[in-house]
């Protein structure tokens, strides 16, 4: 499913359209968060996380693990759009080294 993914941005961009599709096949009743992304240049990606469960901390940890897996230097900025509830969070990722 993600064998052709070459970097963390490529993996992050596949969450909703590929990874969650496969999860839903295994667990049709799963209440998954939603993710949308927008490239803001070749080295900047903005990811919007939404979930009533408020697990933005988990999402952030998974992003950091993804950067580590691909051995990339990525600056991660987090903006909580839900007044501290963690239910709607924008993550801006900026590659610092290619």
PDB file of N, CA and C in Angstrom:
ATOM      1  N   UNK A   1       0.821  -1.197   0.000  1.00  0.00           N
ATOM      2  CA  UNK A   1       0.000   0.000   0.000  1.00  0.00           C
ATOM      3  C   UNK A   1       0.865   1.261   0.000  1.00  0.00           C
ATOM      4  N   UNK A   2       1.931   1.257   0.767  1.00  0.00           N
ATOM      5  CA  UNK A   2       2.786   2.439   0.828  1.00  0.00           C
ATOM      6  C   UNK A   2       4.218   2.121   0.420  1.00  0.00           C
ATOM      7  N   UNK A   3       4.381   1.034  -0.310  1.00  0.00           N
ATOM      8  CA  UNK A   3       5.733   0.603  -0.679  1.00  0.00           C
ATOM      9  C   UNK A   3       6.468   1.616  -1.547  1.00  0.00           C
ATOM     10  N   UNK A   4       5.741   2.426  -2.293  1.00  0.00           N
ATOM     11  CA  UNK A   4       6.373   3.411  -3.163  1.00  0.00           C
ATOM     12  C   UNK A   4       6.582   4.766  -2.485  1.00  0.00           C
ATOM     13  N   UNK A   5       6.203   4.874  -1.213  1.00  0.00           N
ATOM     14  CA  UNK A   5       6.372   6.123  -0.480  1.00  0.00           C
ATOM     15  C   UNK A   5       7.855   6.309  -0.179  1.00  0.00           C
ATOM     16  N   UNK A   6       8.368   7.480  -0.533  1.00  0.00           N
ATOM     17  CA  UNK A   6       9.809   7.737  -0.408  1.00  0.00           C
ATOM     18  C   UNK A   6      10.180   8.609   0.785  1.00  0.00           C
ATOM     19  N   UNK A   7       9.186   9.343   1.352  1.00  0.00           N
ATOM     20  CA  UNK A   7       9.513  10.249   2.447  1.00  0.00           C
ATOM     21  C   UNK A   7       8.298  10.454   3.350  1.00  0.00           C
ATOM     22  N   UNK A   8       8.510  11.167   4.438  1.00  0.00           N
ATOM     23  CA  UNK A   8       7.444  11.371   5.412  1.00  0.00           C
ATOM     24  C   UNK A   8       6.272  12.155   4.829  1.00  0.00           C
ATOM     25  N   UNK A   9       6.538  13.158   3.998  1.00  0.00           N
ATOM     26  CA  UNK A   9       5.447  13.926   3.415  1.00  0.00           C
ATOM     27  C   UNK A   9       4.580  13.036   2.533  1.00  0.00           C
ATOM     28  N   UNK A  10       5.206  12.149   1.795  1.00  0.00           N
ATOM     29  CA  UNK A  10       4.462  11.221   0.957  1.00  0.00           C
ATOM     30  C   UNK A  10       3.566  10.308   1.777  1.00  0.00           C
ATOM     31  N   UNK A  11       4.064   9.848   2.924  1.00  0.00           N
ATOM     32  CA  UNK A  11       3.258   8.983   3.785  1.00  0.00           C
ATOM     33  C   UNK A  11       2.106   9.753   4.413  1.00  0.00           C
ATOM     34  N   UNK A  12       2.394  10.929   4.930  1.00  0.00           N
ATOM     35  CA  UNK A  12       1.354  11.749   5.560  1.00  0.00           C
ATOM     36  C   UNK A  12       0.232  12.049   4.565  1.00  0.00           C
ATOM     37  N   UNK A  13       0.580  12.281   3.328  1.00  0.00           N
ATOM     38  CA  UNK A  13      -0.420  12.608   2.307  1.00  0.00           C
ATOM     39  C   UNK A  13      -1.321  11.428   1.962  1.00  0.00           C
ATOM     40  N   UNK A  14      -0.958  10.217   2.370  1.00  0.00           N
ATOM     41  CA  UNK A  14      -1.758   9.036   2.044  1.00  0.00           C
ATOM     42  C   UNK A  14      -2.715   8.610   3.156  1.00  0.00           C
ATOM     43  N   UNK A  15      -2.688   9.285   4.295  1.00  0.00           N
ATOM     44  CA  UNK A  15      -3.441   8.808   5.460  1.00  0.00           C
ATOM     45  C   UNK A  15      -4.911   8.592   5.150  1.00  0.00           C
ATOM     46  N   UNK A  16      -5.618   9.639   4.747  1.00  0.00           N
ATOM     47  CA  UNK A  16      -7.067   9.504   4.544  1.00  0.00           C
ATOM     48  C   UNK A  16      -7.433   8.706   3.306  1.00  0.00           C
ATOM     49  N   UNK A  17      -6.710   8.878   2.222  1.00  0.00           N
ATOM     50  CA  UNK A  17      -7.095   8.245   0.957  1.00  0.00           C
ATOM     51  C   UNK A  17      -6.612   6.817   0.787  1.00  0.00           C
ATOM     52  N   UNK A  18      -5.622   6.385   1.554  1.00  0.00           N
ATOM     53  CA  UNK A  18      -5.123   5.035   1.398  1.00  0.00           C
ATOM     54  C   UNK A  18      -5.148   4.254   2.709  1.00  0.00           C
ATOM     55  N   UNK A  19      -4.481   4.759   3.703  1.00  0.00           N
ATOM     56  CA  UNK A  19      -4.358   4.019   4.958  1.00  0.00           C
ATOM     57  C   UNK A  19      -5.718   3.830   5.622  1.00  0.00           C
ATOM     58  N   UNK A  20      -6.484   4.911   5.757  1.00  0.00           N
ATOM     59  CA  UNK A  20      -7.788   4.776   6.409  1.00  0.00           C
ATOM     60  C   UNK A  20      -8.766   3.948   5.588  1.00  0.00           C
ATOM     61  N   UNK A  21      -8.625   3.939   4.288  1.00  0.00           N
ATOM     62  CA  UNK A  21      -9.463   3.081   3.441  1.00  0.00           C
ATOM     63  C   UNK A  21      -9.216   1.620   3.791  1.00  0.00           C
ATOM     64  N   UNK A  22      -7.949   1.257   3.948  1.00  0.00           N
ATOM     65  CA  UNK A  22      -7.604  -0.126   4.299  1.00  0.00           C
ATOM     66  C   UNK A  22      -8.050  -0.468   5.716  1.00  0.00           C
ATOM     67  N   UNK A  23      -7.918   0.467   6.645  1.00  0.00           N
ATOM     68  CA  UNK A  23      -8.369   0.227   8.026  1.00  0.00           C
ATOM     69  C   UNK A  23      -9.872  -0.017   8.036  1.00  0.00           C
ATOM     70  N   UNK A  24     -10.626   0.761   7.253  1.00  0.00           N
ATOM     71  CA  UNK A  24     -12.082   0.592   7.209  1.00  0.00           C
ATOM     72  C   UNK A  24     -12.493  -0.774   6.639  1.00  0.00           C
ATOM     73  N   UNK A  25     -11.666  -1.341   5.770  1.00  0.00           N
ATOM     74  CA  UNK A  25     -11.958  -2.679   5.256  1.00  0.00           C
ATOM     75  C   UNK A  25     -11.890  -3.705   6.378  1.00  0.00           C
ATOM     76  N   UNK A  26     -10.941  -3.540   7.274  1.00  0.00           N
ATOM     77  CA  UNK A  26     -10.780  -4.467   8.397  1.00  0.00           C
ATOM     78  C   UNK A  26     -11.741  -4.168   9.536  1.00  0.00           C
ATOM     79  N   UNK A  27     -11.998  -2.884   9.763  1.00  0.00           N
ATOM     80  CA  UNK A  27     -12.836  -2.448  10.879  1.00  0.00           C
ATOM     81  C   UNK A  27     -13.862  -1.431  10.380  1.00  0.00           C
ATOM     82  N   UNK A  28     -14.942  -1.921   9.771  1.00  0.00           N
ATOM     83  CA  UNK A  28     -15.912  -1.012   9.143  1.00  0.00           C
ATOM     84  C   UNK A  28     -16.553  -0.016  10.104  1.00  0.00           C
ATOM     85  N   UNK A  29     -16.630  -0.351  11.377  1.00  0.00           N
ATOM     86  CA  UNK A  29     -17.273   0.539  12.340  1.00  0.00           C
ATOM     87  C   UNK A  29     -16.283   1.451  13.055  1.00  0.00           C
ATOM     88  N   UNK A  30     -15.032   1.440  12.640  1.00  0.00           N
ATOM     89  CA  UNK A  30     -14.008   2.257  13.311  1.00  0.00           C
ATOM     90  C   UNK A  30     -14.338   3.745  13.183  1.00  0.00           C
ATOM     91  N   UNK A  31     -14.162   4.448  14.275  1.00  0.00           N
ATOM     92  CA  UNK A  31     -14.364   5.901  14.302  1.00  0.00           C
ATOM     93  C   UNK A  31     -13.000   6.550  14.139  1.00  0.00           C
ATOM     94  N   UNK A  32     -12.610   6.769  12.896  1.00  0.00           N
ATOM     95  CA  UNK A  32     -11.274   7.269  12.597  1.00  0.00           C
ATOM     96  C   UNK A  32     -11.259   8.787  12.515  1.00  0.00           C
ATOM     97  N   UNK A  33     -10.131   9.376  12.852  1.00  0.00           N
ATOM     98  CA  UNK A  33     -10.013  10.823  12.670  1.00  0.00           C
ATOM     99  C   UNK A  33      -9.967  11.146  11.175  1.00  0.00           C
ATOM    100  N   UNK A  34     -10.194  12.401  10.844  1.00  0.00           N
ATOM    101  CA  UNK A  34     -10.037  12.800   9.448  1.00  0.00           C
ATOM    102  C   UNK A  34      -8.777  13.658   9.327  1.00  0.00           C
ATOM    103  N   UNK A  35      -8.150  13.543   8.190  1.00  0.00           N
ATOM    104  CA  UNK A  35      -6.946  14.300   7.889  1.00  0.00           C
ATOM    105  C   UNK A  35      -7.097  14.904   6.499  1.00  0.00           C
ATOM    106  N   UNK A  36      -6.701  16.125   6.362  1.00  0.00           N
ATOM    107  CA  UNK A  36      -6.578  16.730   5.040  1.00  0.00           C
ATOM    108  C   UNK A  36      -5.221  17.410   5.012  1.00  0.00           C
ATOM    109  N   UNK A  37      -4.686  17.533   3.825  1.00  0.00           N
ATOM    110  CA  UNK A  37      -3.350  18.127   3.724  1.00  0.00           C
ATOM    111  C   UNK A  37      -3.278  19.111   2.564  1.00  0.00           C
ATOM    112  N   UNK A  38      -2.303  19.989   2.679  1.00  0.00           N
ATOM    113  CA  UNK A  38      -2.068  20.988   1.644  1.00  0.00           C
ATOM    114  C   UNK A  38      -0.567  21.253   1.572  1.00  0.00           C
ATOM    115  N   UNK A  39      -0.014  21.066   0.392  1.00  0.00           N
ATOM    116  CA  UNK A  39       1.392  21.414   0.186  1.00  0.00           C
ATOM    117  C   UNK A  39       1.490  22.927   0.063  1.00  0.00           C
ATOM    118  N   UNK A  40       2.415  23.507   0.789  1.00  0.00           N
ATOM    119  CA  UNK A  40       2.646  24.954   0.727  1.00  0.00           C
ATOM    120  C   UNK A  40       4.042  25.241   0.195  1.00  0.00           C
ATOM    121  N   UNK A  41       4.494  24.380  -0.660  1.00  0.00           N
ATOM    122  CA  UNK A  41       5.819  24.460  -1.247  1.00  0.00           C
ATOM    123  C   UNK A  41       6.434  23.072  -1.203  1.00  0.00           C
ATOM    124  N   UNK A  42       7.570  22.874  -1.846  1.00  0.00           N
ATOM    125  CA  UNK A  42       8.170  21.539  -1.913  1.00  0.00           C
ATOM    126  C   UNK A  42       8.620  20.999  -0.551  1.00  0.00           C
ATOM    127  N   UNK A  43       8.865  21.891   0.404  1.00  0.00           N
ATOM    128  CA  UNK A  43       9.358  21.461   1.705  1.00  0.00           C
ATOM    129  C   UNK A  43       8.439  21.847   2.856  1.00  0.00           C
ATOM    130  N   UNK A  44       7.192  22.198   2.539  1.00  0.00           N
ATOM    131  CA  UNK A  44       6.235  22.582   3.579  1.00  0.00           C
ATOM    132  C   UNK A  44       4.903  21.880   3.314  1.00  0.00           C
ATOM    133  N   UNK A  45       4.414  21.200   4.339  1.00  0.00           N
ATOM    134  CA  UNK A  45       3.135  20.492   4.247  1.00  0.00           C
ATOM    135  C   UNK A  45       2.308  20.847   5.472  1.00  0.00           C
ATOM    136  N   UNK A  46       1.053  21.180   5.256  1.00  0.00           N
ATOM    137  CA  UNK A  46       0.132  21.469   6.360  1.00  0.00           C
ATOM    138  C   UNK A  46      -0.870  20.331   6.428  1.00  0.00           C
ATOM    139  N   UNK A  47      -1.019  19.773   7.621  1.00  0.00           N
ATOM    140  CA  UNK A  47      -1.941  18.666   7.856  1.00  0.00           C
ATOM    141  C   UNK A  47      -2.989  19.125   8.854  1.00  0.00           C
ATOM    142  N   UNK A  48      -4.250  18.916   8.526  1.00  0.00           N
ATOM    143  CA  UNK A  48      -5.332  19.262   9.426  1.00  0.00           C
ATOM    144  C   UNK A  48      -5.918  17.979  10.002  1.00  0.00           C
ATOM    145  N   UNK A  49      -5.863  17.859  11.320  1.00  0.00           N
ATOM    146  CA  UNK A  49      -6.384  16.704  12.064  1.00  0.00           C
ATOM    147  C   UNK A  49      -7.709  17.097  12.690  1.00  0.00           C
ATOM    148  N   UNK A  50      -8.727  16.226  12.544  1.00  0.00           N
ATOM    149  CA  UNK A  50     -10.022  16.440  13.192  1.00  0.00           C
ATOM    150  C   UNK A  50     -10.517  15.129  13.776  1.00  0.00           C
ATOM    151  N   UNK A  51     -10.867  15.180  15.059  1.00  0.00           N
ATOM    152  CA  UNK A  51     -11.444  14.017  15.720  1.00  0.00           C
ATOM    153  C   UNK A  51     -12.092  14.460  17.016  1.00  0.00           C
ATOM    154  N   UNK A  52     -13.280  13.981  17.262  1.00  0.00           N
ATOM    155  CA  UNK A  52     -13.968  14.294  18.515  1.00  0.00           C
ATOM    156  C   UNK A  52     -13.254  13.680  19.723  1.00  0.00           C
ATOM    157  N   UNK A  53     -12.392  12.721  19.479  1.00  0.00           N
ATOM    158  CA  UNK A  53     -11.660  12.078  20.581  1.00  0.00           C
ATOM    159  C   UNK A  53     -10.542  12.947  21.135  1.00  0.00           C
ATOM    160  N   UNK A  54     -10.112  13.930  20.391  1.00  0.00           N
ATOM    161  CA  UNK A  54      -9.086  14.837  20.882  1.00  0.00           C
ATOM    162  C   UNK A  54      -7.741  14.172  21.112  1.00  0.00           C
ATOM    163  N   UNK A  55      -7.306  13.378  20.152  1.00  0.00           N
ATOM    164  CA  UNK A  55      -6.038  12.657  20.283  1.00  0.00           C
ATOM    165  C   UNK A  55      -4.936  13.291  19.425  1.00  0.00           C
ATOM    166  N   UNK A  56      -4.904  14.614  19.416  1.00  0.00           N
ATOM    167  CA  UNK A  56      -3.890  15.309  18.632  1.00  0.00           C
ATOM    168  C   UNK A  56      -2.487  15.001  19.139  1.00  0.00           C
ATOM    169  N   UNK A  57      -2.347  14.736  20.438  1.00  0.00           N
ATOM    170  CA  UNK A  57      -1.027  14.367  20.973  1.00  0.00           C
ATOM    171  C   UNK A  57      -0.538  13.074  20.329  1.00  0.00           C
ATOM    172  N   UNK A  58      -1.437  12.122  20.157  1.00  0.00           N
ATOM    173  CA  UNK A  58      -1.081  10.864  19.499  1.00  0.00           C
ATOM    174  C   UNK A  58      -0.695  11.117  18.044  1.00  0.00           C
ATOM    175  N   UNK A  59      -1.479  11.932  17.353  1.00  0.00           N
ATOM    176  CA  UNK A  59      -1.166  12.263  15.960  1.00  0.00           C
ATOM    177  C   UNK A  59       0.215  12.898  15.872  1.00  0.00           C
ATOM    178  N   UNK A  60       0.520  13.798  16.790  1.00  0.00           N
ATOM    179  CA  UNK A  60       1.835  14.443  16.784  1.00  0.00           C
ATOM    180  C   UNK A  60       2.945  13.418  17.005  1.00  0.00           C
ATOM    181  N   UNK A  61       2.744  12.506  17.936  1.00  0.00           N
ATOM    182  CA  UNK A  61       3.744  11.466  18.177  1.00  0.00           C
ATOM    183  C   UNK A  61       3.969  10.583  16.962  1.00  0.00           C
ATOM    184  N   UNK A  62       2.893  10.259  16.259  1.00  0.00           N
ATOM    185  CA  UNK A  62       3.019   9.452  15.046  1.00  0.00           C
ATOM    186  C   UNK A  62       3.764  10.213  13.949  1.00  0.00           C
ATOM    187  N   UNK A  63       3.525  11.509  13.853  1.00  0.00           N
ATOM    188  CA  UNK A  63       4.262  12.324  12.885  1.00  0.00           C
ATOM    189  C   UNK A  63       5.755  12.324  13.213  1.00  0.00           C
ATOM    190  N   UNK A  64       6.083  12.512  14.477  1.00  0.00           N
ATOM    191  CA  UNK A  64       7.492  12.515  14.882  1.00  0.00           C
ATOM    192  C   UNK A  64       8.145  11.160  14.595  1.00  0.00           C
ATOM    193  N   UNK A  65       7.410  10.073  14.836  1.00  0.00           N
ATOM    194  CA  UNK A  65       7.919   8.743  14.519  1.00  0.00           C
ATOM    195  C   UNK A  65       8.123   8.557  13.024  1.00  0.00           C
ATOM    196  N   UNK A  66       7.241   9.131  12.233  1.00  0.00           N
ATOM    197  CA  UNK A  66       7.353   9.064  10.770  1.00  0.00           C
ATOM    198  C   UNK A  66       8.620   9.777  10.303  1.00  0.00           C
ATOM    199  N   UNK A  67       8.877  10.955  10.856  1.00  0.00           N
ATOM    200  CA  UNK A  67      10.084  11.695  10.487  1.00  0.00           C
ATOM    201  C   UNK A  67      11.326  10.892  10.853  1.00  0.00           C
ATOM    202  N   UNK A  68      11.283  10.278  12.020  1.00  0.00           N
ATOM    203  CA  UNK A  68      12.413   9.461  12.479  1.00  0.00           C
ATOM    204  C   UNK A  68      12.610   8.252  11.562  1.00  0.00           C
ATOM    205  N   UNK A  69      11.512   7.594  11.197  1.00  0.00           N
ATOM    206  CA  UNK A  69      11.587   6.414  10.326  1.00  0.00           C
ATOM    207  C   UNK A  69      12.279   6.752   8.998  1.00  0.00           C
ATOM    208  N   UNK A  70      11.923   7.900   8.427  1.00  0.00           N
ATOM    209  CA  UNK A  70      12.507   8.295   7.145  1.00  0.00           C
ATOM    210  C   UNK A  70      13.816   9.067   7.316  1.00  0.00           C
ATOM    211  N   UNK A  71      14.250   9.196   8.560  1.00  0.00           N
ATOM    212  CA  UNK A  71      15.507   9.879   8.893  1.00  0.00           C
ATOM    213  C   UNK A  71      15.552  11.281   8.286  1.00  0.00           C
ATOM    214  N   UNK A  72      14.459  12.017   8.525  1.00  0.00           N
ATOM    215  CA  UNK A  72      14.341  13.369   7.997  1.00  0.00           C
ATOM    216  C   UNK A  72      14.339  14.388   9.140  1.00  0.00           C
ATOM    217  N   UNK A  73      14.908  15.541   8.854  1.00  0.00           N
ATOM    218  CA  UNK A  73      14.865  16.667   9.784  1.00  0.00           C
ATOM    219  C   UNK A  73      13.655  17.509   9.389  1.00  0.00           C
ATOM    220  N   UNK A  74      12.645  17.513  10.251  1.00  0.00           N
ATOM    221  CA  UNK A  74      11.418  18.246   9.956  1.00  0.00           C
ATOM    222  C   UNK A  74      11.033  19.065  11.186  1.00  0.00           C
ATOM    223  N   UNK A  75      10.824  20.344  10.966  1.00  0.00           N
ATOM    224  CA  UNK A  75      10.324  21.216  12.027  1.00  0.00           C
ATOM    225  C   UNK A  75       8.807  21.077  12.046  1.00  0.00           C
ATOM    226  N   UNK A  76       8.242  20.820  13.222  1.00  0.00           N
ATOM    227  CA  UNK A  76       6.798  20.618  13.345  1.00  0.00           C
ATOM    228  C   UNK A  76       6.206  21.727  14.203  1.00  0.00           C
ATOM    229  N   UNK A  77       5.254  22.448  13.630  1.00  0.00           N
ATOM    230  CA  UNK A  77       4.527  23.467  14.376  1.00  0.00           C
ATOM    231  C   UNK A  77       3.085  22.997  14.532  1.00  0.00           C
ATOM    232  N   UNK A  78       2.541  23.235  15.704  1.00  0.00           N
ATOM    233  CA  UNK A  78       1.190  22.771  16.018  1.00  0.00           C
ATOM    234  C   UNK A  78       0.321  23.956  16.407  1.00  0.00           C
ATOM    235  N   UNK A  79      -0.862  24.029  15.797  1.00  0.00           N
ATOM    236  CA  UNK A  79      -1.816  25.085  16.114  1.00  0.00           C
ATOM    237  C   UNK A  79      -3.160  24.448  16.444  1.00  0.00           C
ATOM    238  N   UNK A  80      -3.580  24.556  17.698  1.00  0.00           N
ATOM    239  CA  UNK A  80      -4.858  23.991  18.120  1.00  0.00           C
ATOM    240  C   UNK A  80      -5.971  24.950  17.727  1.00  0.00           C
ATOM    241  N   UNK A  81      -6.832  24.517  16.835  1.00  0.00           N
ATOM    242  CA  UNK A  81      -7.939  25.336  16.347  1.00  0.00           C
ATOM    243  C   UNK A  81      -9.221  25.078  17.123  1.00  0.00           C
ATOM    244  N   UNK A  82      -9.120  24.283  18.196  1.00  0.00           N
ATOM    245  CA  UNK A  82     -10.299  23.906  18.978  1.00  0.00           C
ATOM    246  C   UNK A  82     -10.197  24.408  20.420  1.00  0.00           C
ATOM    247  N   UNK A  83      -9.512  25.520  20.609  1.00  0.00           N
ATOM    248  CA  UNK A  83      -9.399  26.158  21.920  1.00  0.00           C
ATOM    249  C   UNK A  83      -8.871  25.213  22.990  1.00  0.00           C
ATOM    250  N   UNK A  84      -7.871  24.432  22.642  1.00  0.00           N
ATOM    251  CA  UNK A  84      -7.225  23.553  23.604  1.00  0.00           C
ATOM    252  C   UNK A  84      -7.821  22.163  23.744  1.00  0.00           C
ATOM    253  N   UNK A  85      -8.898  21.875  23.027  1.00  0.00           N
ATOM    254  CA  UNK A  85      -9.549  20.563  23.142  1.00  0.00           C
ATOM    255  C   UNK A  85      -8.799  19.473  22.388  1.00  0.00           C
ATOM    256  N   UNK A  86      -7.955  19.856  21.439  1.00  0.00           N
ATOM    257  CA  UNK A  86      -7.218  18.878  20.650  1.00  0.00           C
ATOM    258  C   UNK A  86      -8.065  18.138  19.642  1.00  0.00           C
ATOM    259  N   UNK A  87      -9.232  18.673  19.324  1.00  0.00           N
ATOM    260  CA  UNK A  87     -10.121  17.999  18.370  1.00  0.00           C
ATOM    261  C   UNK A  87      -9.949  18.495  16.935  1.00  0.00           C
ATOM    262  N   UNK A  88      -9.311  19.645  16.796  1.00  0.00           N
ATOM    263  CA  UNK A  88      -9.016  20.194  15.472  1.00  0.00           C
ATOM    264  C   UNK A  88      -7.665  20.899  15.569  1.00  0.00           C
ATOM    265  N   UNK A  89      -6.668  20.287  14.955  1.00  0.00           N
ATOM    266  CA  UNK A  89      -5.309  20.795  15.086  1.00  0.00           C
ATOM    267  C   UNK A  89      -4.649  20.842  13.714  1.00  0.00           C
ATOM    268  N   UNK A  90      -3.997  21.956  13.434  1.00  0.00           N
ATOM    269  CA  UNK A  90      -3.222  22.098  12.206  1.00  0.00           C
ATOM    270  C   UNK A  90      -1.752  21.868  12.537  1.00  0.00           C
ATOM    271  N   UNK A  91      -1.128  20.950  11.807  1.00  0.00           N
ATOM    272  CA  UNK A  91       0.294  20.691  11.945  1.00  0.00           C
ATOM    273  C   UNK A  91       0.960  21.217  10.678  1.00  0.00           C
ATOM    274  N   UNK A  92       1.955  22.079  10.855  1.00  0.00           N
ATOM    275  CA  UNK A  92       2.731  22.553   9.718  1.00  0.00           C
ATOM    276  C   UNK A  92       4.107  21.926   9.815  1.00  0.00           C
ATOM    277  N   UNK A  93       4.486  21.213   8.759  1.00  0.00           N
ATOM    278  CA  UNK A  93       5.755  20.494   8.710  1.00  0.00           C
ATOM    279  C   UNK A  93       6.665  21.174   7.695  1.00  0.00           C
ATOM    280  N   UNK A  94       7.863  21.460   8.127  1.00  0.00           N
ATOM    281  CA  UNK A  94       8.825  22.123   7.255  1.00  0.00           C
ATOM    282  C   UNK A  94      10.129  21.315   7.279  1.00  0.00           C
ATOM    283  N   UNK A  95      10.491  20.769   6.109  1.00  0.00           N
ATOM    284  CA  UNK A  95      11.756  20.054   6.016  1.00  0.00           C
ATOM    285  C   UNK A  95      12.906  21.038   6.188  1.00  0.00           C
ATOM    286  N   UNK A  96      13.837  20.712   7.064  1.00  0.00           N
ATOM    287  CA  UNK A  96      14.947  21.621   7.311  1.00  0.00           C
ATOM    288  C   UNK A  96      16.223  21.168   6.596  1.00  0.00           C
ATOM    289  N   UNK A  97      16.296  19.895   6.241  1.00  0.00           N
ATOM    290  CA  UNK A  97      17.449  19.343   5.517  1.00  0.00           C
ATOM    291  C   UNK A  97      16.913  18.372   4.490  1.00  0.00           C
ATOM    292  N   UNK A  98      17.447  18.421   3.282  1.00  0.00           N
ATOM    293  CA  UNK A  98      17.008  17.473   2.244  1.00  0.00           C
ATOM    294  C   UNK A  98      17.907  16.287   2.226  1.00  0.00           C
TER     295      UNK A  98
END
